[in-house]
N, C-alpha and C. Protein backbone atom coordinates (compact mmCIF):
# COMPACT_ATOMS: atom_id res chain seq x y z
N UNK A 1 39.81 -43.09 55.91
CA UNK A 1 39.58 -42.27 54.89
C UNK A 1 39.56 -42.74 53.57
N UNK A 2 38.59 -42.45 52.61
CA UNK A 2 38.58 -43.33 51.29
C UNK A 2 39.08 -42.41 50.40
N UNK A 3 39.31 -42.89 49.18
CA UNK A 3 39.84 -42.07 48.15
C UNK A 3 38.99 -40.96 47.70
N UNK A 4 37.64 -41.26 47.72
CA UNK A 4 36.81 -40.16 47.37
C UNK A 4 36.89 -38.93 48.46
N UNK A 5 36.96 -39.22 49.73
CA UNK A 5 37.21 -38.29 50.85
C UNK A 5 38.51 -37.38 50.55
N UNK A 6 39.47 -38.13 50.22
CA UNK A 6 40.78 -37.40 50.20
C UNK A 6 40.71 -36.57 48.98
N UNK A 7 39.89 -36.61 47.76
CA UNK A 7 39.76 -35.86 46.80
C UNK A 7 38.70 -34.66 47.06
N UNK A 8 37.69 -34.95 48.00
CA UNK A 8 36.73 -34.06 48.31
C UNK A 8 37.17 -33.02 49.14
N UNK A 9 37.93 -33.32 50.04
CA UNK A 9 38.40 -32.37 51.23
C UNK A 9 39.14 -31.10 50.57
N UNK A 10 40.10 -31.26 49.44
CA UNK A 10 40.70 -30.11 48.92
C UNK A 10 39.77 -29.26 48.00
N UNK A 11 38.78 -30.02 47.43
CA UNK A 11 37.76 -29.36 46.58
C UNK A 11 36.84 -28.43 47.65
N UNK A 12 36.36 -28.88 48.68
CA UNK A 12 35.56 -28.19 49.65
C UNK A 12 36.50 -27.18 50.23
N UNK A 13 37.67 -27.22 50.35
CA UNK A 13 38.54 -26.21 50.93
C UNK A 13 38.61 -25.00 50.02
N UNK A 14 38.73 -25.38 48.70
CA UNK A 14 39.02 -24.37 47.62
C UNK A 14 37.62 -23.69 47.43
N UNK A 15 36.47 -24.40 47.39
CA UNK A 15 35.27 -23.68 47.34
C UNK A 15 34.91 -22.79 48.63
N UNK A 16 35.37 -23.06 49.75
CA UNK A 16 35.18 -22.30 50.86
C UNK A 16 36.06 -21.05 50.75
N UNK A 17 37.30 -21.25 50.42
CA UNK A 17 38.20 -20.13 50.21
C UNK A 17 37.75 -19.27 49.01
N UNK A 18 37.25 -19.70 47.94
CA UNK A 18 36.73 -18.78 46.87
C UNK A 18 35.61 -18.03 47.43
N UNK A 19 34.76 -18.62 48.07
CA UNK A 19 33.56 -18.12 48.67
C UNK A 19 34.01 -16.81 49.68
N UNK A 20 34.62 -17.04 50.59
CA UNK A 20 35.25 -16.19 51.54
C UNK A 20 35.91 -15.00 50.68
N UNK A 21 36.76 -15.39 49.91
CA UNK A 21 37.43 -14.24 49.02
C UNK A 21 36.37 -13.42 48.29
N UNK A 22 35.41 -14.08 47.74
CA UNK A 22 34.32 -13.28 46.94
C UNK A 22 33.65 -12.28 48.03
N UNK A 23 33.28 -12.70 49.11
CA UNK A 23 32.58 -11.91 50.05
C UNK A 23 33.64 -10.72 50.54
N UNK A 24 34.78 -11.28 50.73
CA UNK A 24 35.80 -10.10 51.06
C UNK A 24 35.75 -9.07 49.91
N UNK A 25 35.65 -9.46 48.53
CA UNK A 25 36.00 -8.42 47.46
C UNK A 25 34.58 -7.59 47.61
N UNK A 26 33.46 -8.17 47.67
CA UNK A 26 32.28 -7.40 47.77
C UNK A 26 32.00 -6.60 49.01
N UNK A 27 32.80 -6.79 49.98
CA UNK A 27 32.75 -5.85 51.13
C UNK A 27 33.52 -4.66 51.01
N UNK A 28 34.43 -4.57 49.83
CA UNK A 28 35.23 -3.31 49.57
C UNK A 28 34.35 -2.45 48.80
N UNK A 29 33.35 -2.98 48.08
CA UNK A 29 32.32 -2.08 47.38
C UNK A 29 31.83 -1.00 48.04
N UNK A 30 31.06 -1.07 49.30
CA UNK A 30 30.34 -0.13 49.96
C UNK A 30 31.64 1.06 50.60
N UNK A 31 32.86 0.65 50.62
CA UNK A 31 33.72 1.80 51.14
C UNK A 31 34.22 2.65 50.11
N UNK A 32 34.01 2.07 48.84
CA UNK A 32 34.57 2.92 47.62
C UNK A 32 33.81 4.42 47.63
N UNK A 33 32.54 4.60 47.86
CA UNK A 33 31.95 6.03 47.82
C UNK A 33 32.59 7.01 48.83
N UNK A 34 33.20 6.36 50.02
CA UNK A 34 33.80 7.40 50.86
C UNK A 34 35.32 7.69 50.74
N UNK A 35 35.78 7.14 49.48
CA UNK A 35 37.25 7.48 49.13
C UNK A 35 37.22 9.04 48.60
N UNK A 36 38.24 9.72 49.26
CA UNK A 36 38.52 11.24 48.82
C UNK A 36 37.50 12.04 49.49
N UNK A 37 36.46 11.67 50.42
CA UNK A 37 35.68 12.69 50.85
C UNK A 37 36.37 13.08 52.20
N UNK A 38 36.27 14.39 52.18
CA UNK A 38 37.11 15.07 53.25
C UNK A 38 36.09 15.11 54.69
N UNK A 39 36.71 14.98 55.99
CA UNK A 39 35.98 14.96 57.00
C UNK A 39 35.83 16.57 57.55
N UNK A 40 34.45 16.92 57.29
CA UNK A 40 34.46 18.37 57.74
C UNK A 40 33.15 18.37 58.71
N UNK A 41 32.90 19.37 59.52
CA UNK A 41 31.76 19.36 60.53
C UNK A 41 30.54 19.03 60.01
N UNK A 42 30.25 19.45 58.64
CA UNK A 42 29.05 19.13 58.04
C UNK A 42 29.08 17.74 57.36
N UNK A 43 30.00 17.18 57.29
CA UNK A 43 29.94 15.72 56.54
C UNK A 43 29.35 14.62 57.48
N UNK A 44 28.93 13.58 56.90
CA UNK A 44 28.25 12.62 57.61
C UNK A 44 29.31 11.44 58.05
N UNK A 45 29.30 11.48 59.60
CA UNK A 45 30.41 10.62 60.03
C UNK A 45 30.02 9.12 59.90
N UNK A 46 28.92 8.84 59.57
CA UNK A 46 28.43 7.39 59.34
C UNK A 46 29.02 6.92 58.17
N UNK A 47 29.33 7.80 57.20
CA UNK A 47 30.00 7.30 55.89
C UNK A 47 31.22 6.87 56.16
N UNK A 48 31.96 7.55 56.94
CA UNK A 48 33.45 7.09 57.38
C UNK A 48 33.37 5.93 58.11
N UNK A 49 32.41 5.87 59.15
CA UNK A 49 32.28 4.64 60.19
C UNK A 49 31.87 3.37 59.27
N UNK A 50 31.03 3.56 58.31
CA UNK A 50 30.53 2.44 57.60
C UNK A 50 31.61 1.84 56.46
N UNK A 51 32.44 2.76 56.03
CA UNK A 51 33.60 2.49 55.30
C UNK A 51 34.60 1.87 56.17
N UNK A 52 34.88 2.23 57.17
CA UNK A 52 35.78 1.69 58.05
C UNK A 52 35.44 0.08 58.52
N UNK A 53 34.08 -0.05 58.83
CA UNK A 53 33.67 -1.29 59.19
C UNK A 53 33.87 -2.22 57.99
N UNK A 54 33.40 -1.74 56.87
CA UNK A 54 33.56 -2.59 55.58
C UNK A 54 35.16 -2.90 55.37
N UNK A 55 35.96 -2.00 55.64
CA UNK A 55 37.37 -2.42 55.35
C UNK A 55 37.89 -3.36 56.35
N UNK A 56 37.44 -3.28 57.66
CA UNK A 56 37.73 -4.37 58.79
C UNK A 56 37.11 -5.64 58.44
N UNK A 57 36.21 -5.63 57.92
CA UNK A 57 35.29 -6.95 57.69
C UNK A 57 35.83 -7.65 56.53
N UNK A 58 36.47 -6.62 55.54
CA UNK A 58 37.01 -7.20 54.25
C UNK A 58 38.22 -7.99 54.74
N UNK A 59 38.96 -7.30 55.51
CA UNK A 59 40.47 -7.73 56.05
C UNK A 59 40.14 -9.04 56.69
N UNK A 60 39.17 -9.21 57.69
CA UNK A 60 38.88 -10.45 58.39
C UNK A 60 38.57 -11.72 57.48
N UNK A 61 37.68 -11.29 56.52
CA UNK A 61 37.40 -12.32 55.67
C UNK A 61 38.39 -12.71 54.82
N UNK A 62 39.29 -11.89 54.37
CA UNK A 62 40.54 -12.14 53.55
C UNK A 62 41.39 -13.03 54.46
N UNK A 63 41.68 -12.69 55.81
CA UNK A 63 42.36 -13.54 56.55
C UNK A 63 41.85 -14.92 56.76
N UNK A 64 40.50 -15.23 56.93
CA UNK A 64 39.92 -16.27 56.78
C UNK A 64 40.18 -17.06 55.60
N UNK A 65 39.98 -16.60 54.31
CA UNK A 65 40.30 -17.23 53.15
C UNK A 65 41.74 -17.70 53.16
N UNK A 66 42.52 -16.84 53.44
CA UNK A 66 44.09 -17.29 53.41
C UNK A 66 44.26 -18.41 54.24
N UNK A 67 43.55 -18.37 55.51
CA UNK A 67 43.93 -19.61 56.50
C UNK A 67 43.19 -20.80 55.94
N UNK A 68 42.18 -20.83 55.22
CA UNK A 68 41.58 -22.05 54.72
C UNK A 68 42.40 -22.47 53.60
N UNK A 69 42.99 -21.59 52.77
CA UNK A 69 43.85 -22.07 51.54
C UNK A 69 45.24 -21.73 51.92
N UNK A 70 45.77 -22.25 52.92
CA UNK A 70 47.01 -21.95 53.31
C UNK A 70 48.19 -22.61 52.64
N UNK A 71 47.90 -23.73 52.02
CA UNK A 71 48.87 -24.50 51.26
C UNK A 71 49.03 -23.79 49.85
N UNK A 72 47.97 -23.23 49.35
CA UNK A 72 48.25 -22.77 47.78
C UNK A 72 48.95 -21.43 47.68
N UNK A 73 50.18 -21.44 47.13
CA UNK A 73 50.87 -20.06 46.92
C UNK A 73 50.24 -19.03 46.09
N UNK A 74 49.33 -19.60 45.04
CA UNK A 74 48.77 -18.54 44.23
C UNK A 74 47.50 -17.66 45.25
N UNK A 75 47.00 -18.32 46.05
CA UNK A 75 46.13 -17.58 47.02
C UNK A 75 46.88 -16.58 47.95
N UNK A 76 48.07 -17.02 48.34
CA UNK A 76 48.68 -16.00 49.09
C UNK A 76 49.02 -14.61 48.31
N UNK A 77 49.36 -14.99 46.88
CA UNK A 77 49.55 -13.76 46.02
C UNK A 77 48.37 -12.83 45.83
N UNK A 78 47.21 -13.64 45.57
CA UNK A 78 45.94 -12.94 45.29
C UNK A 78 45.57 -12.05 46.73
N UNK A 79 45.77 -12.72 47.94
CA UNK A 79 45.64 -12.13 49.09
C UNK A 79 46.36 -10.87 49.44
N UNK A 80 47.66 -10.98 49.22
CA UNK A 80 48.57 -9.93 49.36
C UNK A 80 48.20 -8.66 48.34
N UNK A 81 47.79 -8.96 47.09
CA UNK A 81 47.17 -7.87 46.26
C UNK A 81 46.06 -7.20 46.73
N UNK A 82 45.10 -8.15 47.21
CA UNK A 82 43.80 -7.58 47.73
C UNK A 82 44.14 -6.64 49.04
N UNK A 83 45.14 -7.19 49.91
CA UNK A 83 45.39 -6.53 51.27
C UNK A 83 46.13 -5.15 50.92
N UNK A 84 46.92 -5.08 49.93
CA UNK A 84 47.49 -3.86 49.31
C UNK A 84 46.26 -2.82 48.87
N UNK A 85 45.35 -3.44 48.14
CA UNK A 85 44.17 -2.59 47.84
C UNK A 85 43.47 -1.99 49.07
N UNK A 86 43.16 -2.84 49.98
CA UNK A 86 42.42 -2.65 51.32
C UNK A 86 43.37 -1.44 51.88
N UNK A 87 44.60 -1.49 51.97
CA UNK A 87 45.25 -0.48 52.53
C UNK A 87 45.38 0.96 51.81
N UNK A 88 45.31 0.82 50.51
CA UNK A 88 45.26 2.03 49.64
C UNK A 88 43.89 2.67 49.79
N UNK A 89 42.84 2.06 49.86
CA UNK A 89 41.57 2.34 50.20
C UNK A 89 41.54 2.99 51.57
N UNK A 90 42.04 2.33 52.46
CA UNK A 90 41.90 2.83 53.80
C UNK A 90 42.71 4.07 54.09
N UNK A 91 43.77 4.35 53.33
CA UNK A 91 44.36 5.69 53.41
C UNK A 91 43.63 6.76 52.79
N UNK A 92 42.80 6.40 52.07
CA UNK A 92 42.06 7.56 51.23
C UNK A 92 40.58 7.95 51.86
N UNK A 93 40.32 7.15 52.99
CA UNK A 93 38.83 7.14 53.61
C UNK A 93 39.25 8.04 54.79
N UNK A 94 38.27 9.08 54.99
CA UNK A 94 38.38 9.73 56.32
C UNK A 94 38.26 9.02 57.48
N UNK A 95 39.10 9.33 58.52
CA UNK A 95 38.78 8.46 59.59
C UNK A 95 37.63 8.84 60.58
N UNK A 96 36.90 7.77 60.93
CA UNK A 96 35.63 8.00 61.78
C UNK A 96 35.92 8.59 63.13
N UNK A 97 37.06 8.54 63.58
CA UNK A 97 37.29 8.93 64.94
C UNK A 97 37.91 10.52 65.04
């Protein structure tokens, strides 16, 4: 491994982690309209199911970003904050089941 390779690998890992985290954040946006909606017989169950899918995908992408950037402590803090936001949104979205 050359000196250029040893500096390039952390840069690529950082870019990949940033990209995965950005997609995880944007996956939360479609779930926001479902926050606070009550599940009634006349409400659309697809809204709750779509929000649940977005929350699951956001969590999976967040786990991938944390896995890629496992050595950086700042990423752990950001991921924990993001996970807390996901949990807060998930508790306010009606269950699709």
